[in-house]
């Protein structure tokens, strides 16, 4: 089966044209000119397309399998929504569920029914098969699902399946980075709320350690302060890191909290995250705070010194400060 065949089937735009005309021999016999061909519309078959993709997914080529996923997403715009939804609800094979769910999400992202996306969210949270729940969750990645599915992610991070929980965490991280560029407050708040709702420390830490908190609300900042007092060191470290990127109105309180926590904290990983956040919150103005903390933990004296030297360069871009600090540590 060639790609050309698949593409032709998927992108038929719902109207395969059949040319119906009298035979040339009849026209010659009667001496009448040929009439223009009659055009008869035909509806593309969702089932036929799915059969083609199902066979194509047996290919050993990862690139070809990705191509098939994109093909279905692009074709979804022209496919009848009711047929696509029915195929999604019937499907039980996780990979095909993921492809169909991604196609439905693509329709919503292009301005069609929000209820279609909610259908995917329902299956992601309620299907009896954890592999199907994980597949449907993956399909929501880098879409507008956060805007249309309410508290879905706060429920997904509490799913009984570790795979579903981690897929949900990955969605929140990638949406934050690639869909909203870290500056959409509601999306960041959704991620923080989901992290706080999860009882899986690895999920909570993964979300908080990898999202931008530059546009979070006061309520979300308060949740980060609460998570700093948790029992799990990995969560405390991630919450401390997240506090380093809070909006300007939250910076002063964050600095005070982190300085106090550094003195009371015993875990070296948490203390390392605190130092980074203090540097990020204050830039050069954080140098006095860091000097005051230098001898609290002898294990981290080199870390404190590296931050002080990097901040003392006067660089005003956080990525450049990070790079300079790494360079100083490697040069030791």
Protein backbone atom coordinates (compact mmCIF):
# COMPACT_ATOMS: atom_id res chain seq x y z
CA UNK A 1 0.00 0.00 0.00
CA UNK A 2 1.51 3.32 -1.05
CA UNK A 3 1.34 6.66 0.69
CA UNK A 4 -0.26 8.06 -2.43
CA UNK A 5 -3.14 5.62 -2.06
CA UNK A 6 -3.67 6.52 1.58
CA UNK A 7 -3.49 10.24 0.92
CA UNK A 8 -5.94 10.01 -1.93
CA UNK A 9 -8.40 8.12 0.23
CA UNK A 10 -8.09 10.44 3.22
CA UNK A 11 -8.16 13.73 1.42
CA UNK A 12 -11.00 13.08 -0.96
CA UNK A 13 -12.80 16.06 0.65
CA UNK A 14 -16.03 14.14 0.97
CA UNK A 15 -16.77 14.39 -2.74
CA UNK A 16 -15.27 11.77 -4.98
CA UNK A 17 -16.54 12.74 -8.38
CA UNK A 18 -18.05 10.10 -10.65
CA UNK A 19 -18.25 11.03 -14.31
CA UNK A 20 -21.45 9.80 -15.88
CA UNK A 21 -21.66 10.36 -19.64
CA UNK A 22 -23.11 8.58 -22.71
CA UNK A 23 -20.67 6.32 -24.52
CA UNK A 24 -18.73 7.92 -27.46
CA UNK A 25 -20.07 5.27 -29.88
CA UNK A 26 -23.66 6.24 -29.09
CA UNK A 27 -22.88 9.92 -29.59
CA UNK A 28 -21.25 9.22 -32.96
CA UNK A 29 -24.20 7.11 -34.10
CA UNK A 30 -26.74 9.78 -33.34
CA UNK A 31 -24.58 12.69 -34.51
CA UNK A 32 -25.25 14.63 -31.31
CA UNK A 33 -22.46 16.34 -29.35
CA UNK A 34 -21.38 14.89 -26.04
CA UNK A 35 -23.13 16.59 -23.08
CA UNK A 36 -21.01 17.80 -20.17
CA UNK A 37 -20.32 15.03 -17.64
CA UNK A 38 -22.69 14.78 -14.69
CA UNK A 39 -21.01 15.00 -11.28
CA UNK A 40 -22.27 12.74 -8.53
CA UNK A 41 -21.00 13.32 -4.95
CA UNK A 42 -19.95 10.38 -2.81
CA UNK A 43 -19.22 10.39 0.91
CA UNK A 44 -15.75 9.35 2.08
CA UNK A 45 -15.78 6.25 4.27
CA UNK A 46 -14.36 6.66 7.77
CA UNK A 47 -14.29 2.89 8.06
CA UNK A 48 -12.29 2.56 4.87
CA UNK A 49 -9.78 5.13 6.02
CA UNK A 50 -9.44 3.45 9.41
CA UNK A 51 -8.87 0.06 7.78
CA UNK A 52 -6.09 1.56 5.68
CA UNK A 53 -4.46 3.20 8.69
CA UNK A 54 -4.83 0.04 10.79
CA UNK A 55 -2.91 -1.92 8.16
CA UNK A 56 -0.37 0.84 7.73
CA UNK A 57 0.40 0.94 11.46
CA UNK A 58 1.93 -2.51 11.11
CA UNK A 59 4.84 -0.82 9.33
CA UNK A 60 8.18 -1.02 11.11
CA UNK A 61 8.93 2.60 10.22
CA UNK A 62 8.31 5.06 13.12
CA UNK A 63 8.28 7.93 10.61
CA UNK A 64 5.56 6.26 8.57
CA UNK A 65 3.46 5.59 11.64
CA UNK A 66 3.77 9.25 12.64
CA UNK A 67 2.76 10.18 9.11
CA UNK A 68 -0.40 8.10 9.44
CA UNK A 69 -1.34 9.86 12.66
CA UNK A 70 -0.89 13.25 11.05
CA UNK A 71 -2.78 12.08 7.99
CA UNK A 72 -5.83 11.20 10.06
CA UNK A 73 -5.65 14.48 11.99
CA UNK A 74 -5.56 16.48 8.77
CA UNK A 75 -8.30 14.39 7.20
CA UNK A 76 -10.52 14.82 10.27
CA UNK A 77 -11.48 18.31 9.15
CA UNK A 78 -13.33 16.89 6.17
CA UNK A 79 -14.63 13.67 7.70
CA UNK A 80 -18.23 13.51 9.02
CA UNK A 81 -18.05 14.16 12.75
CA UNK A 82 -20.75 11.69 13.69
CA UNK A 83 -19.00 8.87 11.86
CA UNK A 84 -15.67 9.78 13.43
CA UNK A 85 -17.20 9.89 16.91
CA UNK A 86 -18.93 6.56 16.37
CA UNK A 87 -15.66 4.98 15.22
CA UNK A 88 -13.92 6.37 18.31
CA UNK A 89 -16.57 5.01 20.67
CA UNK A 90 -16.43 1.56 19.04
CA UNK A 91 -12.65 1.26 18.96
CA UNK A 92 -10.93 -0.79 21.67
CA UNK A 93 -7.34 -1.09 20.41
CA UNK A 94 -5.34 1.56 22.34
CA UNK A 95 -3.22 2.80 19.42
CA UNK A 96 -6.25 3.27 17.19
CA UNK A 97 -8.10 4.96 20.06
CA UNK A 98 -5.20 7.39 20.34
CA UNK A 99 -5.27 8.16 16.60
CA UNK A 100 -9.02 8.68 16.54
CA UNK A 101 -8.93 10.79 19.70
CA UNK A 102 -6.20 12.97 18.19
CA UNK A 103 -8.35 13.43 15.10
CA UNK A 104 -11.35 14.48 17.20
CA UNK A 105 -9.19 16.89 19.19
CA UNK A 106 -7.95 18.38 15.92
CA UNK A 107 -11.54 19.11 14.87
CA UNK A 108 -12.18 21.00 18.11
CA UNK A 109 -8.92 22.93 17.83
CA UNK A 110 -10.10 24.11 14.42
CA UNK A 111 -13.31 25.56 15.77
CA UNK A 112 -15.71 22.63 15.73
CA UNK A 113 -17.79 21.16 18.56
CA UNK A 114 -16.26 21.36 22.04
CA UNK A 115 -18.43 18.39 23.01
CA UNK A 116 -16.24 16.25 20.76
CA UNK A 117 -13.18 17.05 22.86
CA UNK A 118 -15.14 16.39 26.02
CA UNK A 119 -15.96 12.94 24.63
CA UNK A 120 -12.25 12.21 24.44
CA UNK A 121 -11.78 13.49 27.99
CA UNK A 122 -14.55 11.24 29.23
CA UNK A 123 -12.90 8.18 27.75
CA UNK A 124 -9.52 9.24 29.12
CA UNK A 125 -10.93 9.30 32.63
CA UNK A 126 -13.61 6.59 32.57
CA UNK A 127 -12.68 3.77 30.18
CA UNK A 128 -12.30 0.41 31.93
CA UNK A 129 -9.00 -0.34 30.17
CA UNK A 130 -6.05 1.64 31.62
CA UNK A 131 -4.18 1.31 28.31
CA UNK A 132 -7.09 3.00 26.52
CA UNK A 133 -7.27 5.72 29.18
CA UNK A 134 -3.56 6.38 28.71
CA UNK A 135 -3.94 6.44 24.91
CA UNK A 136 -6.83 8.91 25.03
CA UNK A 137 -4.87 11.08 27.47
CA UNK A 138 -1.86 11.17 25.13
CA UNK A 139 -4.11 12.26 22.30
CA UNK A 140 -4.99 15.44 24.24
CA UNK A 141 -1.35 16.54 24.34
CA UNK A 142 -0.60 19.98 22.82
CA UNK A 143 -4.31 20.70 22.25
CA UNK A 144 -6.82 23.08 23.81
CA UNK A 145 -8.13 20.36 26.14
CA UNK A 146 -7.27 22.30 29.29
CA UNK A 147 -9.66 25.05 28.22
CA UNK A 148 -12.63 22.77 27.52
CA UNK A 149 -12.51 19.84 29.97
CA UNK A 150 -12.89 21.43 33.41
CA UNK A 151 -11.06 19.58 36.18
CA UNK A 152 -10.12 16.66 33.93
CA UNK A 153 -6.41 16.85 34.72
CA UNK A 154 -6.95 17.00 38.46
CA UNK A 155 -8.82 13.72 38.04
CA UNK A 156 -6.30 12.13 35.65
CA UNK A 157 -3.38 12.68 38.04
CA UNK A 158 -5.32 10.64 40.60
CA UNK A 159 -6.01 7.76 38.19
CA UNK A 160 -5.37 4.25 39.47
CA UNK A 161 -2.92 3.66 36.61
CA UNK A 162 0.62 5.09 37.00
CA UNK A 163 0.84 5.30 33.20
CA UNK A 164 -2.24 7.52 32.98
CA UNK A 165 -0.95 9.75 35.78
CA UNK A 166 2.40 10.24 34.04
CA UNK A 167 0.78 10.83 30.64
CA UNK A 168 -1.37 13.54 32.25
CA UNK A 169 1.72 15.12 33.80
CA UNK A 170 3.47 15.13 30.43
CA UNK A 171 0.44 16.78 28.81
CA UNK A 172 0.44 19.58 31.37
CA UNK A 173 4.16 20.19 30.91
CA UNK A 174 4.08 20.18 27.11
CA UNK A 175 0.92 22.28 26.92
CA UNK A 176 2.50 24.81 29.27
CA UNK A 177 5.61 24.98 27.12
CA UNK A 178 4.46 24.49 23.54
CA UNK A 179 0.83 25.64 23.47
CA UNK A 180 0.91 28.55 25.92
CA UNK A 181 4.66 29.39 26.01
CA UNK A 182 4.48 29.53 29.80
CA UNK A 183 2.59 32.82 29.88
CA UNK A 184 -1.06 31.77 30.00
CA UNK A 185 -2.20 32.09 33.59
CA UNK A 186 -5.17 29.68 33.49
CA UNK A 187 -3.06 26.91 31.94
CA UNK A 188 -0.34 27.36 34.57
CA UNK A 189 -2.97 27.39 37.30
CA UNK A 190 -4.43 24.15 35.92
CA UNK A 191 -1.00 22.54 36.12
CA UNK A 192 -0.38 23.70 39.69
CA UNK A 193 -3.86 22.57 40.77
CA UNK A 194 -3.29 19.13 39.24
CA UNK A 195 0.11 18.85 40.92
CA UNK A 196 -1.44 19.71 44.28
CA UNK A 197 -4.32 17.29 43.72
CA UNK A 198 -2.08 14.32 42.98
CA UNK A 199 -1.11 11.89 45.73
CA UNK A 200 1.71 10.54 43.54
CA UNK A 201 4.84 12.41 44.63
CA UNK A 202 6.66 11.68 41.37
CA UNK A 203 3.79 13.16 39.35
CA UNK A 204 3.61 16.26 41.54
CA UNK A 205 7.36 16.80 41.39
CA UNK A 206 7.51 16.24 37.65
CA UNK A 207 4.82 18.83 36.95
CA UNK A 208 6.17 21.50 39.31
CA UNK A 209 9.75 20.98 38.23
CA UNK A 210 9.02 21.51 34.53
CA UNK A 211 6.39 24.23 34.14
CA UNK A 212 6.63 28.00 33.96
CA UNK A 213 4.98 29.76 36.89
CA UNK A 214 5.47 33.26 35.46
CA UNK A 215 1.71 33.89 35.16
CA UNK A 216 0.21 31.93 38.05
CA UNK A 217 -2.46 33.39 40.30
CA UNK A 218 -2.10 34.27 43.96
CA UNK A 219 -4.04 31.10 44.82
CA UNK A 220 -1.60 28.93 42.87
CA UNK A 221 1.35 30.62 44.56
CA UNK A 222 -0.26 29.78 47.89
CA UNK A 223 -0.47 26.13 46.84
CA UNK A 224 3.26 26.16 46.13
CA UNK A 225 3.96 27.49 49.62
CA UNK A 226 1.81 24.69 51.05
CA UNK A 227 3.67 22.04 49.04
CA UNK A 228 6.96 23.33 50.45
CA UNK A 229 5.85 21.93 53.81
CA UNK A 230 5.13 18.43 52.49
CA UNK A 231 6.76 15.20 53.64
CA UNK A 232 8.35 14.24 50.31
CA UNK A 233 11.72 15.87 49.63
CA UNK A 234 11.31 15.55 45.86
CA UNK A 235 8.05 17.50 46.01
CA UNK A 236 9.58 20.16 48.26
CA UNK A 237 12.49 20.58 45.85
CA UNK A 238 10.15 20.94 42.86
CA UNK A 239 7.92 23.41 44.72
CA UNK A 240 10.97 25.45 45.67
CA UNK A 241 12.09 25.51 42.04
CA UNK A 242 8.60 26.56 40.90
CA UNK A 243 8.57 29.44 43.38
CA UNK A 244 11.63 30.83 41.65
CA UNK A 245 9.55 31.83 38.64
CA UNK A 246 6.50 33.42 40.26
CA UNK A 247 5.12 36.82 39.13
CA UNK A 248 6.50 40.06 40.59
CA UNK A 249 3.75 40.52 43.26
CA UNK A 250 4.69 37.12 44.73
CA UNK A 251 8.47 37.49 44.64
CA UNK A 252 9.07 39.15 48.02
CA UNK A 253 7.11 36.56 49.96
CA UNK A 254 8.73 33.74 47.98
CA UNK A 255 12.21 34.99 48.87
CA UNK A 256 11.38 35.26 52.57
CA UNK A 257 9.86 31.79 52.61
CA UNK A 258 12.78 30.20 50.78
CA UNK A 259 15.42 31.81 53.02
CA UNK A 260 13.61 30.54 56.14
CA UNK A 261 13.14 27.09 54.61
CA UNK A 262 16.83 26.82 53.69
CA UNK A 263 17.82 27.22 57.33
CA UNK A 264 15.36 24.56 58.50
CA UNK A 265 15.70 22.10 55.61
CA UNK A 266 18.03 19.10 55.88
CA UNK A 267 17.76 17.60 52.38
CA UNK A 268 20.59 18.73 50.11
CA UNK A 269 18.45 18.46 46.98
CA UNK A 270 15.81 20.79 48.40
CA UNK A 271 18.46 23.25 49.51
CA UNK A 272 20.02 23.19 46.03
CA UNK A 273 16.64 24.09 44.48
CA UNK A 274 16.19 26.88 47.01
CA UNK A 275 19.53 28.43 46.08
CA UNK A 276 18.60 28.40 42.41
CA UNK A 277 15.23 30.03 43.08
CA UNK A 278 16.74 32.72 45.29
CA UNK A 279 19.18 33.54 42.51
CA UNK A 280 16.38 33.69 39.96
CA UNK A 281 14.12 35.82 42.13
CA UNK A 282 16.74 38.38 42.99
CA UNK A 283 19.49 38.27 40.37
CA UNK A 284 22.31 40.49 41.71
CA UNK A 285 20.20 41.60 44.70
CA UNK A 286 20.18 37.99 45.91
CA UNK A 287 23.93 38.01 46.56
CA UNK A 288 23.63 39.26 50.20
CA UNK A 289 21.01 36.57 50.93
CA UNK A 290 23.24 33.89 49.46
CA UNK A 291 26.26 35.08 51.45
CA UNK A 292 24.20 34.95 54.64
CA UNK A 293 23.29 31.33 53.87
CA UNK A 294 26.77 30.27 52.75
CA UNK A 295 27.85 28.48 55.93
CA UNK A 296 24.50 26.94 56.83
CA UNK A 297 25.36 23.74 54.94
CA UNK A 298 29.09 23.06 54.32
CA UNK A 299 28.17 20.61 51.55
CA UNK A 300 26.76 23.46 49.47
CA UNK A 301 29.43 26.11 49.93
CA UNK A 302 30.74 25.54 46.35
CA UNK A 303 27.17 25.80 45.02
CA UNK A 304 26.58 29.10 46.86
CA UNK A 305 29.91 30.47 45.66
CA UNK A 306 29.11 29.56 42.04
CA UNK A 307 25.79 31.42 42.23
CA UNK A 308 27.39 34.47 43.81
CA UNK A 309 30.06 34.63 41.10
CA UNK A 310 27.51 34.14 38.29
CA UNK A 311 25.19 36.81 39.66
CA UNK A 312 28.05 39.22 40.21
CA UNK A 313 28.70 39.34 36.45
CA UNK A 314 25.70 41.64 36.08
CA UNK A 315 24.00 39.48 33.45
CA UNK A 316 20.30 40.33 33.09
CA UNK A 317 19.03 37.24 31.28
CA UNK A 318 18.26 34.15 33.36
CA UNK A 319 19.37 31.68 30.69
CA UNK A 320 22.73 33.47 30.47
CA UNK A 321 23.14 33.39 34.24
CA UNK A 322 22.45 29.66 34.25
CA UNK A 323 24.99 29.12 31.50
CA UNK A 324 27.61 31.20 33.32
CA UNK A 325 27.04 29.32 36.56
CA UNK A 326 27.45 25.99 34.76
CA UNK A 327 30.63 27.26 33.10
CA UNK A 328 32.09 28.30 36.45
CA UNK A 329 31.37 24.90 37.97
CA UNK A 330 32.90 23.05 35.04
CA UNK A 331 36.01 25.23 35.20
CA UNK A 332 36.76 24.30 38.80
